[in-house]
Amino acid sequence: MPPPEPEGRTALRPLAATDAVAIRSIYGPGAVSQLARPPMDARGAQAWLARHLRERPGPWRLIT
């Protein structure tokens, strides 16, 4: 089991279907398959997404 996150940080969770929708709407249809490619696990995918969202500040819309 991974160590607990320090206080003040958001805990990472596995990618959900709504995350895939958001990723597709922002980066296009190929982005989700890139996230699912080994060896990137859900934690790595969320780190990747967080880094890219910081580099490209919003406003973002979730298209469902």
PDB file of N, CA and C in Angstrom:
ATOM      1  N   MET A   1       0.849  -1.184   0.000  1.00  0.00           N
ATOM      2  CA  MET A   1       0.000   0.000   0.000  1.00  0.00           C
ATOM      3  C   MET A   1       0.891   1.243   0.000  1.00  0.00           C
ATOM      4  N   PRO A   2       0.577   2.224  -0.897  1.00  0.00           N
ATOM      5  CA  PRO A   2       1.411   3.428  -0.947  1.00  0.00           C
ATOM      6  C   PRO A   2       1.243   4.259   0.318  1.00  0.00           C
ATOM      7  N   PRO A   3       2.256   5.058   0.632  1.00  0.00           N
ATOM      8  CA  PRO A   3       2.160   5.911   1.820  1.00  0.00           C
ATOM      9  C   PRO A   3       1.047   6.940   1.634  1.00  0.00           C
ATOM     10  N   PRO A   4       0.459   7.428   2.721  1.00  0.00           N
ATOM     11  CA  PRO A   4      -0.596   8.433   2.594  1.00  0.00           C
ATOM     12  C   PRO A   4      -0.037   9.738   2.033  1.00  0.00           C
ATOM     13  N   GLU A   5      -0.897  10.470   1.365  1.00  0.00           N
ATOM     14  CA  GLU A   5      -0.500  11.758   0.798  1.00  0.00           C
ATOM     15  C   GLU A   5      -0.299  12.774   1.921  1.00  0.00           C
ATOM     16  N   PRO A   6       0.667  13.682   1.787  1.00  0.00           N
ATOM     17  CA  PRO A   6       0.825  14.738   2.790  1.00  0.00           C
ATOM     18  C   PRO A   6      -0.435  15.606   2.847  1.00  0.00           C
ATOM     19  N   GLU A   7      -0.668  16.215   3.993  1.00  0.00           N
ATOM     20  CA  GLU A   7      -1.846  17.080   4.131  1.00  0.00           C
ATOM     21  C   GLU A   7      -1.770  18.217   3.122  1.00  0.00           C
ATOM     22  N   GLY A   8      -2.934  18.587   2.627  1.00  0.00           N
ATOM     23  CA  GLY A   8      -2.997  19.692   1.684  1.00  0.00           C
ATOM     24  C   GLY A   8      -2.874  19.272   0.235  1.00  0.00           C
ATOM     25  N   ARG A   9      -2.547  18.024  -0.032  1.00  0.00           N
ATOM     26  CA  ARG A   9      -2.458  17.543  -1.409  1.00  0.00           C
ATOM     27  C   ARG A   9      -3.668  16.680  -1.714  1.00  0.00           C
ATOM     28  N   THR A  10      -4.084  16.720  -2.952  1.00  0.00           N
ATOM     29  CA  THR A  10      -5.207  15.893  -3.367  1.00  0.00           C
ATOM     30  C   THR A  10      -4.709  14.474  -3.598  1.00  0.00           C
ATOM     31  N   ALA A  11      -5.415  13.523  -3.030  1.00  0.00           N
ATOM     32  CA  ALA A  11      -5.047  12.121  -3.227  1.00  0.00           C
ATOM     33  C   ALA A  11      -5.358  11.717  -4.664  1.00  0.00           C
ATOM     34  N   LEU A  12      -4.487  10.914  -5.251  1.00  0.00           N
ATOM     35  CA  LEU A  12      -4.712  10.422  -6.604  1.00  0.00           C
ATOM     36  C   LEU A  12      -5.683   9.257  -6.558  1.00  0.00           C
ATOM     37  N   ARG A  13      -6.476   9.142  -7.577  1.00  0.00           N
ATOM     38  CA  ARG A  13      -7.413   8.039  -7.672  1.00  0.00           C
ATOM     39  C   ARG A  13      -7.321   7.461  -9.078  1.00  0.00           C
ATOM     40  N   PRO A  14      -7.812   6.246  -9.273  1.00  0.00           N
ATOM     41  CA  PRO A  14      -7.778   5.668 -10.626  1.00  0.00           C
ATOM     42  C   PRO A  14      -8.584   6.523 -11.609  1.00  0.00           C
ATOM     43  N   LEU A  15      -8.194   6.472 -12.874  1.00  0.00           N
ATOM     44  CA  LEU A  15      -8.936   7.207 -13.887  1.00  0.00           C
ATOM     45  C   LEU A  15     -10.342   6.644 -14.010  1.00  0.00           C
ATOM     46  N   ALA A  16     -11.307   7.520 -14.064  1.00  0.00           N
ATOM     47  CA  ALA A  16     -12.701   7.120 -14.221  1.00  0.00           C
ATOM     48  C   ALA A  16     -13.141   7.409 -15.654  1.00  0.00           C
ATOM     49  N   ALA A  17     -14.314   6.918 -16.005  1.00  0.00           N
ATOM     50  CA  ALA A  17     -14.837   7.151 -17.350  1.00  0.00           C
ATOM     51  C   ALA A  17     -14.984   8.645 -17.626  1.00  0.00           C
ATOM     52  N   THR A  18     -15.368   9.425 -16.614  1.00  0.00           N
ATOM     53  CA  THR A  18     -15.513  10.872 -16.822  1.00  0.00           C
ATOM     54  C   THR A  18     -14.161  11.529 -17.078  1.00  0.00           C
ATOM     55  N   ASP A  19     -13.088  10.966 -16.494  1.00  0.00           N
ATOM     56  CA  ASP A  19     -11.749  11.490 -16.773  1.00  0.00           C
ATOM     57  C   ASP A  19     -11.407  11.284 -18.245  1.00  0.00           C
ATOM     58  N   ALA A  20     -11.749  10.118 -18.769  1.00  0.00           N
ATOM     59  CA  ALA A  20     -11.469   9.829 -20.170  1.00  0.00           C
ATOM     60  C   ALA A  20     -12.210  10.805 -21.073  1.00  0.00           C
ATOM     61  N   VAL A  21     -13.451  11.125 -20.733  1.00  0.00           N
ATOM     62  CA  VAL A  21     -14.229  12.085 -21.518  1.00  0.00           C
ATOM     63  C   VAL A  21     -13.548  13.447 -21.493  1.00  0.00           C
ATOM     64  N   ALA A  22     -13.107  13.875 -20.309  1.00  0.00           N
ATOM     65  CA  ALA A  22     -12.440  15.173 -20.190  1.00  0.00           C
ATOM     66  C   ALA A  22     -11.138  15.190 -20.973  1.00  0.00           C
ATOM     67  N   ILE A  23     -10.375  14.111 -20.888  1.00  0.00           N
ATOM     68  CA  ILE A  23      -9.095  14.051 -21.593  1.00  0.00           C
ATOM     69  C   ILE A  23      -9.325  14.097 -23.102  1.00  0.00           C
ATOM     70  N   ARG A  24     -10.307  13.351 -23.596  1.00  0.00           N
ATOM     71  CA  ARG A  24     -10.607  13.380 -25.031  1.00  0.00           C
ATOM     72  C   ARG A  24     -11.029  14.775 -25.478  1.00  0.00           C
ATOM     73  N   SER A  25     -11.855  15.449 -24.653  1.00  0.00           N
ATOM     74  CA  SER A  25     -12.352  16.763 -25.050  1.00  0.00           C
ATOM     75  C   SER A  25     -11.232  17.797 -25.101  1.00  0.00           C
ATOM     76  N   ILE A  26     -10.199  17.614 -24.280  1.00  0.00           N
ATOM     77  CA  ILE A  26      -9.103  18.577 -24.231  1.00  0.00           C
ATOM     78  C   ILE A  26      -8.021  18.242 -25.254  1.00  0.00           C
ATOM     79  N   TYR A  27      -7.597  16.975 -25.293  1.00  0.00           N
ATOM     80  CA  TYR A  27      -6.417  16.600 -26.070  1.00  0.00           C
ATOM     81  C   TYR A  27      -6.717  15.796 -27.321  1.00  0.00           C
ATOM     82  N   GLY A  28      -7.965  15.417 -27.548  1.00  0.00           N
ATOM     83  CA  GLY A  28      -8.309  14.652 -28.726  1.00  0.00           C
ATOM     84  C   GLY A  28      -8.395  13.159 -28.431  1.00  0.00           C
ATOM     85  N   PRO A  29      -8.892  12.381 -29.401  1.00  0.00           N
ATOM     86  CA  PRO A  29      -9.192  10.968 -29.160  1.00  0.00           C
ATOM     87  C   PRO A  29      -7.969  10.102 -28.862  1.00  0.00           C
ATOM     88  N   GLY A  30      -6.802  10.464 -29.312  1.00  0.00           N
ATOM     89  CA  GLY A  30      -5.616   9.632 -29.085  1.00  0.00           C
ATOM     90  C   GLY A  30      -5.025   9.753 -27.696  1.00  0.00           C
ATOM     91  N   ALA A  31      -5.409  10.791 -26.949  1.00  0.00           N
ATOM     92  CA  ALA A  31      -4.786  11.051 -25.648  1.00  0.00           C
ATOM     93  C   ALA A  31      -5.094   9.959 -24.639  1.00  0.00           C
ATOM     94  N   VAL A  32      -6.314   9.433 -24.633  1.00  0.00           N
ATOM     95  CA  VAL A  32      -6.677   8.417 -23.653  1.00  0.00           C
ATOM     96  C   VAL A  32      -5.886   7.144 -23.903  1.00  0.00           C
ATOM     97  N   SER A  33      -5.712   6.756 -25.157  1.00  0.00           N
ATOM     98  CA  SER A  33      -4.936   5.553 -25.438  1.00  0.00           C
ATOM     99  C   SER A  33      -3.478   5.757 -25.038  1.00  0.00           C
ATOM    100  N   GLN A  34      -2.970   6.983 -25.143  1.00  0.00           N
ATOM    101  CA  GLN A  34      -1.607   7.253 -24.689  1.00  0.00           C
ATOM    102  C   GLN A  34      -1.500   7.108 -23.188  1.00  0.00           C
ATOM    103  N   LEU A  35      -2.544   7.535 -22.458  1.00  0.00           N
ATOM    104  CA  LEU A  35      -2.532   7.405 -21.005  1.00  0.00           C
ATOM    105  C   LEU A  35      -2.602   5.942 -20.577  1.00  0.00           C
ATOM    106  N   ALA A  36      -3.299   5.128 -21.341  1.00  0.00           N
ATOM    107  CA  ALA A  36      -3.495   3.728 -20.971  1.00  0.00           C
ATOM    108  C   ALA A  36      -2.303   2.853 -21.345  1.00  0.00           C
ATOM    109  N   ARG A  37      -1.378   3.394 -22.094  1.00  0.00           N
ATOM    110  CA  ARG A  37      -0.236   2.616 -22.572  1.00  0.00           C
ATOM    111  C   ARG A  37       0.703   2.262 -21.421  1.00  0.00           C
ATOM    112  N   PRO A  38       1.122   1.015 -21.294  1.00  0.00           N
ATOM    113  CA  PRO A  38       2.109   0.662 -20.261  1.00  0.00           C
ATOM    114  C   PRO A  38       3.412   1.400 -20.532  1.00  0.00           C
ATOM    115  N   PRO A  39       4.233   1.695 -19.566  1.00  0.00           N
ATOM    116  CA  PRO A  39       4.114   1.328 -18.165  1.00  0.00           C
ATOM    117  C   PRO A  39       3.380   2.365 -17.315  1.00  0.00           C
ATOM    118  N   MET A  40       2.671   3.294 -17.931  1.00  0.00           N
ATOM    119  CA  MET A  40       2.003   4.336 -17.153  1.00  0.00           C
ATOM    120  C   MET A  40       0.764   3.760 -16.468  1.00  0.00           C
ATOM    121  N   ASP A  41       0.756   3.794 -15.160  1.00  0.00           N
ATOM    122  CA  ASP A  41      -0.413   3.352 -14.410  1.00  0.00           C
ATOM    123  C   ASP A  41      -1.312   4.564 -14.151  1.00  0.00           C
ATOM    124  N   ALA A  42      -2.389   4.363 -13.416  1.00  0.00           N
ATOM    125  CA  ALA A  42      -3.329   5.462 -13.167  1.00  0.00           C
ATOM    126  C   ALA A  42      -2.650   6.615 -12.452  1.00  0.00           C
ATOM    127  N   ARG A  43      -1.760   6.315 -11.524  1.00  0.00           N
ATOM    128  CA  ARG A  43      -1.057   7.379 -10.793  1.00  0.00           C
ATOM    129  C   ARG A  43      -0.181   8.196 -11.746  1.00  0.00           C
ATOM    130  N   GLY A  44       0.530   7.521 -12.629  1.00  0.00           N
ATOM    131  CA  GLY A  44       1.355   8.212 -13.611  1.00  0.00           C
ATOM    132  C   GLY A  44       0.523   9.022 -14.592  1.00  0.00           C
ATOM    133  N   ALA A  45      -0.625   8.474 -14.976  1.00  0.00           N
ATOM    134  CA  ALA A  45      -1.507   9.172 -15.906  1.00  0.00           C
ATOM    135  C   ALA A  45      -2.046  10.442 -15.269  1.00  0.00           C
ATOM    136  N   GLN A  46      -2.412  10.363 -13.995  1.00  0.00           N
ATOM    137  CA  GLN A  46      -2.923  11.558 -13.330  1.00  0.00           C
ATOM    138  C   GLN A  46      -1.827  12.597 -13.148  1.00  0.00           C
ATOM    139  N   ALA A  47      -0.611  12.160 -12.884  1.00  0.00           N
ATOM    140  CA  ALA A  47       0.502  13.101 -12.773  1.00  0.00           C
ATOM    141  C   ALA A  47       0.732  13.788 -14.117  1.00  0.00           C
ATOM    142  N   TRP A  48       0.663  12.996 -15.197  1.00  0.00           N
ATOM    143  CA  TRP A  48       0.822  13.541 -16.546  1.00  0.00           C
ATOM    144  C   TRP A  48      -0.266  14.573 -16.817  1.00  0.00           C
ATOM    145  N   LEU A  49      -1.522  14.210 -16.515  1.00  0.00           N
ATOM    146  CA  LEU A  49      -2.632  15.118 -16.762  1.00  0.00           C
ATOM    147  C   LEU A  49      -2.498  16.386 -15.927  1.00  0.00           C
ATOM    148  N   ALA A  50      -2.144  16.258 -14.656  1.00  0.00           N
ATOM    149  CA  ALA A  50      -1.987  17.425 -13.794  1.00  0.00           C
ATOM    150  C   ALA A  50      -0.899  18.354 -14.327  1.00  0.00           C
ATOM    151  N   ARG A  51       0.221  17.778 -14.776  1.00  0.00           N
ATOM    152  CA  ARG A  51       1.314  18.594 -15.313  1.00  0.00           C
ATOM    153  C   ARG A  51       0.862  19.347 -16.562  1.00  0.00           C
ATOM    154  N   HIS A  52       0.147  18.680 -17.457  1.00  0.00           N
ATOM    155  CA  HIS A  52      -0.283  19.331 -18.687  1.00  0.00           C
ATOM    156  C   HIS A  52      -1.374  20.367 -18.435  1.00  0.00           C
ATOM    157  N   LEU A  53      -2.223  20.139 -17.453  1.00  0.00           N
ATOM    158  CA  LEU A  53      -3.237  21.141 -17.130  1.00  0.00           C
ATOM    159  C   LEU A  53      -2.598  22.377 -16.500  1.00  0.00           C
ATOM    160  N   ARG A  54      -1.529  22.189 -15.730  1.00  0.00           N
ATOM    161  CA  ARG A  54      -0.811  23.352 -15.172  1.00  0.00           C
ATOM    162  C   ARG A  54      -0.135  24.137 -16.289  1.00  0.00           C
ATOM    163  N   GLU A  55       0.386  23.433 -17.291  1.00  0.00           N
ATOM    164  CA  GLU A  55       1.071  24.107 -18.395  1.00  0.00           C
ATOM    165  C   GLU A  55       0.098  24.814 -19.326  1.00  0.00           C
ATOM    166  N   ARG A  56      -1.134  24.345 -19.372  1.00  0.00           N
ATOM    167  CA  ARG A  56      -2.155  24.941 -20.231  1.00  0.00           C
ATOM    168  C   ARG A  56      -3.329  25.385 -19.359  1.00  0.00           C
ATOM    169  N   PRO A  57      -3.206  26.528 -18.671  1.00  0.00           N
ATOM    170  CA  PRO A  57      -4.287  26.938 -17.778  1.00  0.00           C
ATOM    171  C   PRO A  57      -5.591  27.137 -18.550  1.00  0.00           C
ATOM    172  N   GLY A  58      -6.704  26.858 -17.869  1.00  0.00           N
ATOM    173  CA  GLY A  58      -8.062  26.845 -18.428  1.00  0.00           C
ATOM    174  C   GLY A  58      -8.450  28.142 -19.104  1.00  0.00           C
ATOM    175  N   PRO A  59      -9.709  28.448 -19.184  1.00  0.00           N
ATOM    176  CA  PRO A  59     -10.802  27.695 -18.557  1.00  0.00           C
ATOM    177  C   PRO A  59     -11.124  26.425 -19.336  1.00  0.00           C
ATOM    178  N   TRP A  60     -11.391  25.343 -18.623  1.00  0.00           N
ATOM    179  CA  TRP A  60     -11.730  24.061 -19.232  1.00  0.00           C
ATOM    180  C   TRP A  60     -13.197  23.785 -19.020  1.00  0.00           C
ATOM    181  N   ARG A  61     -13.792  23.101 -19.976  1.00  0.00           N
ATOM    182  CA  ARG A  61     -15.176  22.662 -19.854  1.00  0.00           C
ATOM    183  C   ARG A  61     -15.198  21.150 -19.949  1.00  0.00           C
ATOM    184  N   LEU A  62     -15.961  20.507 -19.100  1.00  0.00           N
ATOM    185  CA  LEU A  62     -16.135  19.068 -19.173  1.00  0.00           C
ATOM    186  C   LEU A  62     -17.296  18.801 -20.111  1.00  0.00           C
ATOM    187  N   ILE A  63     -17.013  18.161 -21.223  1.00  0.00           N
ATOM    188  CA  ILE A  63     -18.042  17.852 -22.212  1.00  0.00           C
ATOM    189  C   ILE A  63     -18.448  16.403 -22.001  1.00  0.00           C
ATOM    190  N   THR A  64     -19.692  16.196 -21.604  1.00  0.00           N
ATOM    191  CA  THR A  64     -20.154  14.825 -21.352  1.00  0.00           C
ATOM    192  C   THR A  64     -21.236  14.432 -22.320  1.00  0.00           C
TER     193      THR A  64
END
